[in-house]
Amino acid sequence: MKYRNPNNKYLLTRFVLLILVPLFVINGVAQDVPESGKKKKSPGNFRETFRDTLDNAFDISRWITEMHGFLPLPTLSTEPALGYGGNLALVFFHPTRQSIDREGTGKQQLALPSMSVAGGLYTANGTWAVYGGHYGSYLQDRLRVALFSGWLNININFYLAGPMGNEHKLKFNFRSLPIFTSIAYRLGRSKWFGGVNYSLFHSDITLQTDVDIPKFDSLNMQSQLGGATIVLYLQDFDNSFTPNRGTKLTMKYGHNDTWLGSDYRYNTFNVEFLGFGNWWKPLVSGFRVQAQGIYGDFPFYTRPFVSLRGIPSVRYQGDFVATLETEQRFNITSRWAVTGFVGFGVPFNDWDELRMSNAKWAGGGGFRYLLARWFNMYMGIDVAKGPLSGDWAWYIILGSNWLGR
């Protein structure tokens, strides 16, 4: 078994996304504040805050658009690799005309609203985190920026193939301080954006494993990773939370080097296509195709991994990973929908390993509710099954499960 000093770009990047995606689930209590500044109870207005004027259904559009201040957002963490847990965040929404469709005309393409966040997470396996960040859309959605930082304590297992084809489980603990920045600008009047991301991760790492080799029994070390990624993407969705129609093509090329603050030198690439079609009114069909790769002097657990609902994060890794997935959403009413999804990922280190016999399949289904009509923001729960026996998992989904990667 070959071992190199670890760092954790992909682990922490995925973990950041796992934290950020559930933050939009809204809970709380609203109060009217008159011009005098004194609070007064108003049952009628309170109910109206959470009722849509078009269908009188429960809706949080007015709450997140017109009520000012930070919102408390308690949610559940359901990632199988980390264990069940809780997440509490404070989020402030900064909607613009480009992110709201009050009348439900469907004529404009809705951008993601700007948001600020601070919060914390704790899971059953002892993983915890405190974090803060901001995503901003400026200049009529021509400029998009993102900032994130926090303190993470992650407990997670990695699986390595031994020389006899057997599999060894490695237990890692990461105490990490991530810093992530991103900027992208719209190219002319097109739907294309170009930009650059920069990430810096400093980590204290502990490895404990059941492999009967002295040098693998335990490991304590420090690691730092710094890298820049060039990003070019085409985004042509009808909305940025739960698309019904449109496509997104993303191309990323990253370089990690000592002059960028890294202890290691290697390169990464990621190409992903997302497509949504609404050819029959009740049915929204989605398709995802992705190819990822890494090469150079990289530690083994920074490699890409199969990312599908029903498969724990970092469970199946390779120098390259190809993924294909489809999701179908059937709208039963104007508010309620059911979903079904299935896909597979193929991890491989050499091209002769790229074959369907190595594919890892997963699939499942769930339901959605149109939680914020002004933003076309759906929320719901998915239940999924992976290739391992008893490998069932459930997920709280807000918007599309594919966006935000």
Protein backbone atom coordinates (compact mmCIF):
# COMPACT_ATOMS: atom_id res chain seq x y z
CA MET A 1 0.00 0.00 0.00
CA LYS A 2 1.50 3.33 -1.03
CA TYR A 3 1.26 6.24 1.39
CA ARG A 4 1.87 9.93 0.94
CA ASN A 5 1.43 12.83 3.31
CA PRO A 6 -2.25 13.81 3.24
CA ASN A 7 -4.00 17.05 2.51
CA ASN A 8 -7.69 17.60 2.07
CA LYS A 9 -8.87 19.83 -0.73
CA TYR A 10 -11.63 17.59 -2.04
CA LEU A 11 -12.75 16.42 1.39
CA LEU A 12 -13.08 19.94 2.75
CA THR A 13 -14.56 21.39 -0.42
CA ARG A 14 -17.29 18.72 -0.41
CA PHE A 15 -17.82 19.22 3.30
CA VAL A 16 -18.21 22.98 2.82
CA LEU A 17 -20.86 22.32 0.19
CA LEU A 18 -22.64 19.81 2.44
CA ILE A 19 -22.84 22.53 5.07
CA LEU A 20 -23.95 25.32 2.75
CA VAL A 21 -26.65 23.54 0.75
CA PRO A 22 -29.10 22.98 3.74
CA LEU A 23 -28.73 26.55 5.01
CA PHE A 24 -31.64 27.87 2.97
CA VAL A 25 -34.32 25.86 4.83
CA ILE A 26 -36.33 28.52 6.62
CA ASN A 27 -37.88 28.35 10.10
CA GLY A 28 -38.71 31.19 12.48
CA VAL A 29 -41.33 33.56 13.86
CA ALA A 30 -42.13 36.96 12.35
CA GLN A 31 -43.40 40.05 14.12
CA ASP A 32 -44.65 43.37 12.71
CA VAL A 33 -42.70 46.44 13.80
CA PRO A 34 -44.63 49.71 13.46
CA GLU A 35 -42.97 53.02 12.71
CA SER A 36 -42.75 53.82 16.44
CA GLY A 37 -40.32 50.91 16.78
CA LYS A 38 -42.49 49.02 19.27
CA LYS A 39 -43.36 45.44 18.51
CA LYS A 40 -47.00 44.46 18.39
CA LYS A 41 -48.68 41.17 17.73
CA SER A 42 -50.78 40.97 14.61
CA PRO A 43 -52.18 37.47 13.99
CA GLY A 44 -53.64 38.42 10.63
CA ASN A 45 -50.44 39.92 9.29
CA PHE A 46 -48.44 37.04 10.78
CA ARG A 47 -50.48 34.53 8.80
CA GLU A 48 -50.21 36.63 5.66
CA THR A 49 -46.42 36.60 5.95
CA PHE A 50 -46.42 32.86 5.32
CA ARG A 51 -49.30 32.71 2.80
CA ASP A 52 -48.99 33.08 -0.95
CA THR A 53 -51.41 35.64 -2.40
CA LEU A 54 -51.95 33.50 -5.52
CA ASP A 55 -53.07 30.19 -3.97
CA ASN A 56 -53.18 30.92 -0.20
CA ALA A 57 -50.68 28.08 0.38
CA PHE A 58 -47.85 28.09 2.92
CA ASP A 59 -44.96 30.01 1.38
CA ILE A 60 -41.88 31.76 2.77
CA SER A 61 -41.19 34.14 -0.14
CA ARG A 62 -42.42 37.23 1.70
CA TRP A 63 -40.63 36.16 4.91
CA ILE A 64 -37.17 35.93 3.33
CA THR A 65 -37.69 38.95 1.07
CA GLU A 66 -39.40 41.60 3.21
CA MET A 67 -38.50 40.68 6.83
CA HIS A 68 -35.16 42.18 7.82
CA GLY A 69 -32.40 40.71 9.99
CA PHE A 70 -30.75 37.34 10.44
CA LEU A 71 -32.95 34.25 10.33
CA PRO A 72 -32.42 31.19 12.59
CA LEU A 73 -32.21 28.07 10.43
CA PRO A 74 -32.21 24.72 12.28
CA THR A 75 -31.72 21.79 9.88
CA LEU A 76 -30.59 18.17 9.94
CA SER A 77 -27.30 16.80 8.62
CA THR A 78 -27.91 13.44 6.93
CA GLU A 79 -24.61 12.71 5.13
CA PRO A 80 -23.91 8.96 5.77
CA ALA A 81 -20.15 9.48 5.91
CA LEU A 82 -20.50 11.90 8.83
CA GLY A 83 -23.49 10.50 10.71
CA TYR A 84 -26.75 12.19 11.60
CA GLY A 85 -26.57 15.53 13.33
CA GLY A 86 -27.83 19.07 13.58
CA ASN A 87 -26.95 22.33 11.89
CA LEU A 88 -27.93 25.80 13.17
CA ALA A 89 -27.26 28.80 10.96
CA LEU A 90 -28.13 32.48 10.73
CA VAL A 91 -28.70 33.62 7.16
CA PHE A 92 -29.57 37.00 5.72
CA PHE A 93 -31.02 37.15 2.20
CA HIS A 94 -30.35 40.13 -0.07
CA PRO A 95 -32.80 39.63 -2.97
CA THR A 96 -32.61 41.68 -6.16
CA ARG A 97 -34.99 42.17 -9.07
CA GLN A 98 -33.06 39.48 -10.93
CA SER A 99 -33.84 36.85 -8.23
CA ILE A 100 -37.62 37.38 -7.68
CA ASP A 101 -40.74 36.59 -9.74
CA ARG A 102 -43.61 37.82 -7.55
CA GLU A 103 -46.37 37.39 -10.12
CA GLY A 104 -45.34 33.94 -11.28
CA THR A 105 -45.09 34.93 -14.93
CA GLY A 106 -42.09 32.70 -15.59
CA LYS A 107 -40.84 35.20 -18.19
CA GLN A 108 -37.55 36.15 -16.51
CA GLN A 109 -34.59 33.95 -15.65
CA LEU A 110 -34.14 34.05 -11.87
CA ALA A 111 -30.64 34.52 -10.46
CA LEU A 112 -29.55 33.26 -7.04
CA PRO A 113 -30.03 36.03 -4.42
CA SER A 114 -27.08 37.30 -2.41
CA MET A 115 -26.77 35.68 1.04
CA SER A 116 -24.66 35.93 4.21
CA VAL A 117 -24.36 33.06 6.68
CA ALA A 118 -22.89 32.13 10.08
CA GLY A 119 -23.53 28.90 11.94
CA GLY A 120 -22.40 25.63 13.45
CA LEU A 121 -22.76 21.86 12.92
CA TYR A 122 -22.45 18.72 15.07
CA THR A 123 -22.93 15.08 14.01
CA ALA A 124 -23.14 11.68 15.68
CA ASN A 125 -19.55 10.68 14.84
CA GLY A 126 -18.09 13.73 16.63
CA THR A 127 -17.76 15.94 13.57
CA TRP A 128 -18.36 19.62 14.34
CA ALA A 129 -17.86 22.96 12.63
CA VAL A 130 -18.35 26.70 13.03
CA TYR A 131 -18.34 28.78 9.85
CA GLY A 132 -19.29 31.99 8.10
CA GLY A 133 -19.56 33.13 4.52
CA HIS A 134 -21.10 35.35 1.89
CA TYR A 135 -22.32 34.86 -1.66
CA GLY A 136 -22.96 38.05 -3.61
CA SER A 137 -24.55 38.85 -6.96
CA TYR A 138 -23.80 42.42 -8.08
CA LEU A 139 -24.09 44.76 -11.07
CA GLN A 140 -27.38 43.20 -12.20
CA ASP A 141 -25.89 39.71 -11.84
CA ARG A 142 -22.84 40.47 -13.97
CA LEU A 143 -20.47 39.98 -11.03
CA ARG A 144 -20.61 37.00 -8.62
CA VAL A 145 -18.35 36.66 -5.59
CA ALA A 146 -18.14 34.19 -2.70
CA LEU A 147 -16.17 34.12 0.56
CA PHE A 148 -16.07 31.34 3.16
CA SER A 149 -14.10 30.45 6.26
CA GLY A 150 -14.56 28.41 9.42
CA TRP A 151 -13.07 25.93 11.85
CA LEU A 152 -13.79 22.27 11.04
CA ASN A 153 -13.28 19.08 13.04
CA ILE A 154 -14.08 16.21 10.66
CA ASN A 155 -14.12 12.49 11.47
CA ILE A 156 -14.41 10.37 8.35
CA ASN A 157 -13.34 6.96 6.97
CA PHE A 158 -11.36 6.31 3.79
CA TYR A 159 -11.02 2.94 2.05
CA LEU A 160 -7.82 1.77 0.33
CA ALA A 161 -7.27 -1.34 -1.78
CA GLY A 162 -4.57 -3.64 -0.48
CA PRO A 163 -2.06 -5.64 -2.61
CA MET A 164 -4.30 -8.76 -2.52
CA GLY A 165 -7.39 -6.85 -3.65
CA ASN A 166 -8.73 -6.57 -0.11
CA GLU A 167 -9.93 -3.28 1.32
CA HIS A 168 -8.61 -1.42 4.38
CA LYS A 169 -10.55 1.21 6.29
CA LEU A 170 -8.57 4.27 7.38
CA LYS A 171 -10.01 6.49 10.11
CA PHE A 172 -9.06 10.15 9.80
CA ASN A 173 -9.60 13.23 11.93
CA PHE A 174 -9.06 16.66 10.37
CA ARG A 175 -8.89 19.88 12.36
CA SER A 176 -8.87 22.45 9.62
CA LEU A 177 -9.09 26.15 8.92
CA PRO A 178 -10.37 26.61 5.35
CA ILE A 179 -10.41 29.89 3.44
CA PHE A 180 -12.23 29.95 0.12
CA THR A 181 -12.71 32.89 -2.27
CA SER A 182 -14.32 33.02 -5.69
CA ILE A 183 -15.01 35.68 -8.29
CA ALA A 184 -16.74 35.33 -11.67
CA TYR A 185 -17.80 37.91 -14.24
CA ARG A 186 -20.33 37.65 -17.06
CA LEU A 187 -18.71 37.67 -20.49
CA GLY A 188 -20.41 40.48 -22.40
CA ARG A 189 -24.15 39.96 -22.73
CA SER A 190 -23.83 36.20 -22.98
CA LYS A 191 -24.78 33.48 -20.50
CA TRP A 192 -21.09 32.65 -19.99
CA PHE A 193 -19.14 33.48 -16.83
CA GLY A 194 -15.38 33.38 -16.36
CA GLY A 195 -13.50 33.60 -13.09
CA VAL A 196 -11.04 32.18 -10.61
CA ASN A 197 -11.27 30.46 -7.23
CA TYR A 198 -8.57 30.42 -4.57
CA SER A 199 -8.55 28.07 -1.58
CA LEU A 200 -6.17 27.72 1.35
CA PHE A 201 -6.53 24.89 3.88
CA HIS A 202 -4.36 24.47 6.95
CA SER A 203 -4.98 21.15 8.74
CA ASP A 204 -3.87 19.15 11.75
CA ILE A 205 -4.38 15.52 10.75
CA THR A 206 -4.62 12.35 12.81
CA LEU A 207 -4.85 8.90 11.23
CA GLN A 208 -5.90 5.79 13.15
CA THR A 209 -6.41 2.54 11.28
CA ASP A 210 -6.85 -1.17 11.86
CA VAL A 211 -4.19 -2.08 9.27
CA ASP A 212 -1.53 -4.23 10.99
CA ILE A 213 1.46 -2.20 9.74
CA PRO A 214 3.35 -0.16 12.37
CA LYS A 215 3.75 3.02 10.30
CA PHE A 216 0.01 3.04 9.58
CA ASP A 217 -1.11 2.56 13.20
CA SER A 218 -1.25 6.28 13.86
CA LEU A 219 -0.19 9.52 12.25
CA ASN A 220 -0.13 13.07 13.53
CA MET A 221 0.97 15.81 11.19
CA GLN A 222 0.25 19.26 9.81
CA SER A 223 -0.62 19.92 6.19
CA GLN A 224 -1.33 22.98 4.09
CA LEU A 225 -2.90 23.20 0.67
CA GLY A 226 -3.17 26.29 -1.50
CA GLY A 227 -4.55 26.29 -5.01
CA ALA A 228 -6.11 28.43 -7.72
CA THR A 229 -8.79 27.20 -10.11
CA ILE A 230 -9.76 28.78 -13.41
CA VAL A 231 -13.52 28.49 -13.96
CA LEU A 232 -15.55 28.92 -17.13
CA TYR A 233 -19.25 28.13 -17.15
CA LEU A 234 -22.38 28.62 -19.21
CA GLN A 235 -25.57 28.96 -17.13
CA ASP A 236 -28.90 29.20 -18.91
CA PHE A 237 -31.52 28.07 -16.35
CA ASP A 238 -34.99 29.51 -15.92
CA ASN A 239 -34.13 29.82 -12.21
CA SER A 240 -31.14 29.11 -9.95
CA PHE A 241 -32.79 27.08 -7.16
CA THR A 242 -34.92 24.40 -8.86
CA PRO A 243 -34.58 24.62 -12.65
CA ASN A 244 -37.38 23.42 -14.92
CA ARG A 245 -35.59 24.19 -18.18
CA GLY A 246 -32.10 25.01 -19.30
CA THR A 247 -28.49 23.87 -19.19
CA LYS A 248 -25.25 24.50 -17.35
CA LEU A 249 -21.81 23.56 -18.62
CA THR A 250 -18.94 24.00 -16.14
CA MET A 251 -15.22 23.61 -16.85
CA LYS A 252 -12.61 23.90 -14.09
CA TYR A 253 -8.85 23.54 -14.12
CA GLY A 254 -6.97 23.83 -10.82
CA HIS A 255 -3.30 24.12 -9.95
CA ASN A 256 -1.82 23.57 -6.47
CA ASP A 257 1.75 24.73 -5.91
CA THR A 258 4.19 26.04 -3.32
CA TRP A 259 3.90 29.62 -4.62
CA LEU A 260 0.17 29.38 -3.91
CA GLY A 261 0.76 28.30 -0.32
CA SER A 262 0.60 24.52 -0.85
CA ASP A 263 2.87 21.77 0.42
CA TYR A 264 2.14 19.79 -2.77
CA ARG A 265 2.15 20.28 -6.53
CA TYR A 266 -0.63 18.77 -8.61
CA ASN A 267 -3.44 19.65 -11.01
CA THR A 268 -7.15 18.91 -11.16
CA PHE A 269 -9.90 19.16 -13.76
CA ASN A 270 -13.66 18.94 -13.61
CA VAL A 271 -16.14 19.06 -16.50
CA GLU A 272 -19.86 18.85 -15.74
CA PHE A 273 -23.02 19.18 -17.82
CA LEU A 274 -26.48 19.67 -16.29
CA GLY A 275 -29.60 19.68 -18.43
CA PHE A 276 -33.28 20.15 -17.56
CA GLY A 277 -36.28 19.78 -19.85
CA ASN A 278 -40.00 20.33 -19.37
CA TRP A 279 -41.35 18.84 -22.60
CA TRP A 280 -44.51 17.54 -20.88
CA LYS A 281 -45.95 20.07 -18.44
CA PRO A 282 -46.18 17.87 -15.29
CA LEU A 283 -42.75 16.28 -15.82
CA VAL A 284 -39.31 17.88 -15.40
CA SER A 285 -36.45 15.69 -16.61
CA GLY A 286 -32.89 16.30 -15.46
CA PHE A 287 -29.60 14.81 -16.64
CA ARG A 288 -26.08 15.10 -15.21
CA VAL A 289 -22.79 14.06 -16.83
CA GLN A 290 -19.48 14.67 -15.05
CA ALA A 291 -15.79 13.85 -15.51
CA GLN A 292 -13.17 14.59 -12.85
CA GLY A 293 -9.44 13.95 -12.66
CA ILE A 294 -6.27 14.63 -10.71
CA TYR A 295 -2.59 14.18 -11.60
CA GLY A 296 0.80 15.12 -10.21
CA ASP A 297 2.20 14.72 -6.70
CA PHE A 298 -1.04 14.40 -4.77
CA PRO A 299 -2.01 12.57 -1.55
CA PHE A 300 -4.36 9.63 -2.05
CA TYR A 301 -7.42 11.01 -0.33
CA THR A 302 -7.58 14.20 -2.41
CA ARG A 303 -8.63 12.05 -5.34
CA PRO A 304 -12.12 12.50 -6.82
CA PHE A 305 -14.84 10.18 -5.55
CA VAL A 306 -18.24 8.95 -6.68
CA SER A 307 -20.80 11.53 -5.54
CA LEU A 308 -24.32 10.09 -5.67
CA ARG A 309 -27.20 10.01 -3.21
CA GLY A 310 -27.04 6.67 -1.43
CA ILE A 311 -23.22 6.44 -1.51
CA PRO A 312 -21.21 7.89 1.43
CA SER A 313 -18.76 10.65 0.50
CA VAL A 314 -15.19 9.52 -0.38
CA ARG A 315 -16.29 5.84 -0.28
CA TYR A 316 -15.20 5.08 -3.88
CA GLN A 317 -12.19 7.05 -5.13
CA GLY A 318 -10.03 7.10 -8.23
CA ASP A 319 -7.57 9.30 -10.07
CA PHE A 320 -10.47 9.78 -12.47
CA VAL A 321 -14.23 9.49 -11.92
CA ALA A 322 -16.96 9.49 -14.59
CA THR A 323 -20.57 9.98 -13.46
CA LEU A 324 -23.95 9.78 -15.18
CA GLU A 325 -27.24 10.47 -13.38
CA THR A 326 -30.86 11.30 -14.18
CA GLU A 327 -33.63 12.71 -12.02
CA GLN A 328 -37.32 12.96 -12.91
CA ARG A 329 -39.69 15.29 -11.04
CA PHE A 330 -43.43 14.80 -11.53
CA ASN A 331 -45.60 17.73 -10.42
CA ILE A 332 -48.78 16.36 -8.84
CA THR A 333 -50.14 19.83 -8.00
CA SER A 334 -48.81 23.36 -8.32
CA ARG A 335 -47.08 22.86 -4.94
CA TRP A 336 -46.35 19.14 -4.52
CA ALA A 337 -44.13 16.87 -6.61
CA VAL A 338 -42.53 13.42 -6.42
CA THR A 339 -39.03 12.56 -7.64
CA GLY A 340 -37.15 9.50 -8.84
CA PHE A 341 -33.44 9.30 -9.61
CA VAL A 342 -30.79 6.77 -10.60
CA GLY A 343 -27.15 7.00 -11.62
CA PHE A 344 -23.72 5.44 -11.57
CA GLY A 345 -20.12 6.49 -11.14
CA VAL A 346 -16.97 4.76 -12.34
CA PRO A 347 -13.74 5.41 -10.39
CA PHE A 348 -10.55 4.37 -12.19
CA ASN A 349 -6.80 5.00 -12.15
CA ASP A 350 -5.96 3.82 -15.68
CA TRP A 351 -8.03 3.91 -18.84
CA ASP A 352 -8.21 0.12 -19.02
CA GLU A 353 -10.15 0.23 -15.73
CA LEU A 354 -12.91 2.33 -17.31
CA ARG A 355 -15.58 -0.33 -17.73
CA MET A 356 -19.12 -0.85 -16.53
CA SER A 357 -18.16 -3.75 -14.29
CA ASN A 358 -16.48 -1.18 -12.01
CA ALA A 359 -19.53 1.10 -11.91
CA LYS A 360 -21.13 1.97 -8.55
CA TRP A 361 -24.91 2.34 -8.88
CA ALA A 362 -27.33 4.23 -6.64
CA GLY A 363 -30.91 5.46 -6.88
CA GLY A 364 -34.06 6.30 -5.00
CA GLY A 365 -36.97 8.71 -4.78
CA GLY A 366 -38.63 11.39 -2.72
CA PHE A 367 -40.99 14.34 -2.67
CA ARG A 368 -40.80 18.12 -3.06
CA TYR A 369 -42.85 21.12 -1.89
CA LEU A 370 -42.71 24.57 -3.51
CA LEU A 371 -41.54 26.43 -0.41
CA ALA A 372 -40.86 29.87 -1.93
CA ARG A 373 -42.74 30.52 -5.17
CA TRP A 374 -41.11 33.91 -5.84
CA PHE A 375 -37.75 32.09 -6.16
CA ASN A 376 -39.11 28.74 -7.47
CA MET A 377 -37.44 27.19 -4.42
CA TYR A 378 -38.54 23.59 -3.76
CA MET A 379 -37.65 21.60 -0.63
CA GLY A 380 -38.14 17.94 0.23
CA ILE A 381 -36.67 14.60 1.28
CA ASP A 382 -35.00 11.87 -0.79
CA VAL A 383 -34.39 8.24 0.21
CA ALA A 384 -31.59 6.48 -1.67
CA LYS A 385 -29.90 3.06 -1.88
CA GLY A 386 -26.29 2.45 -2.85
CA PRO A 387 -24.38 -0.72 -3.82
CA LEU A 388 -23.57 -1.81 -0.25
CA SER A 389 -25.90 -4.07 1.71
CA GLY A 390 -28.06 -1.99 4.03
CA ASP A 391 -26.65 1.20 2.53
CA TRP A 392 -29.87 3.23 2.74
CA ALA A 393 -29.70 6.97 3.31
CA TRP A 394 -32.07 9.93 3.35
CA TYR A 395 -31.36 13.53 2.48
CA ILE A 396 -32.97 16.92 3.02
CA ILE A 397 -32.89 18.62 -0.40
CA LEU A 398 -33.37 22.31 -1.05
CA GLY A 399 -33.50 23.39 -4.67
CA SER A 400 -31.72 21.00 -7.00
CA ASN A 401 -29.38 18.44 -5.48
CA TRP A 402 -26.95 19.05 -8.35
CA LEU A 403 -26.45 22.81 -7.99
CA GLY A 404 -23.75 24.31 -5.79
CA ARG A 405 -21.12 21.68 -6.59
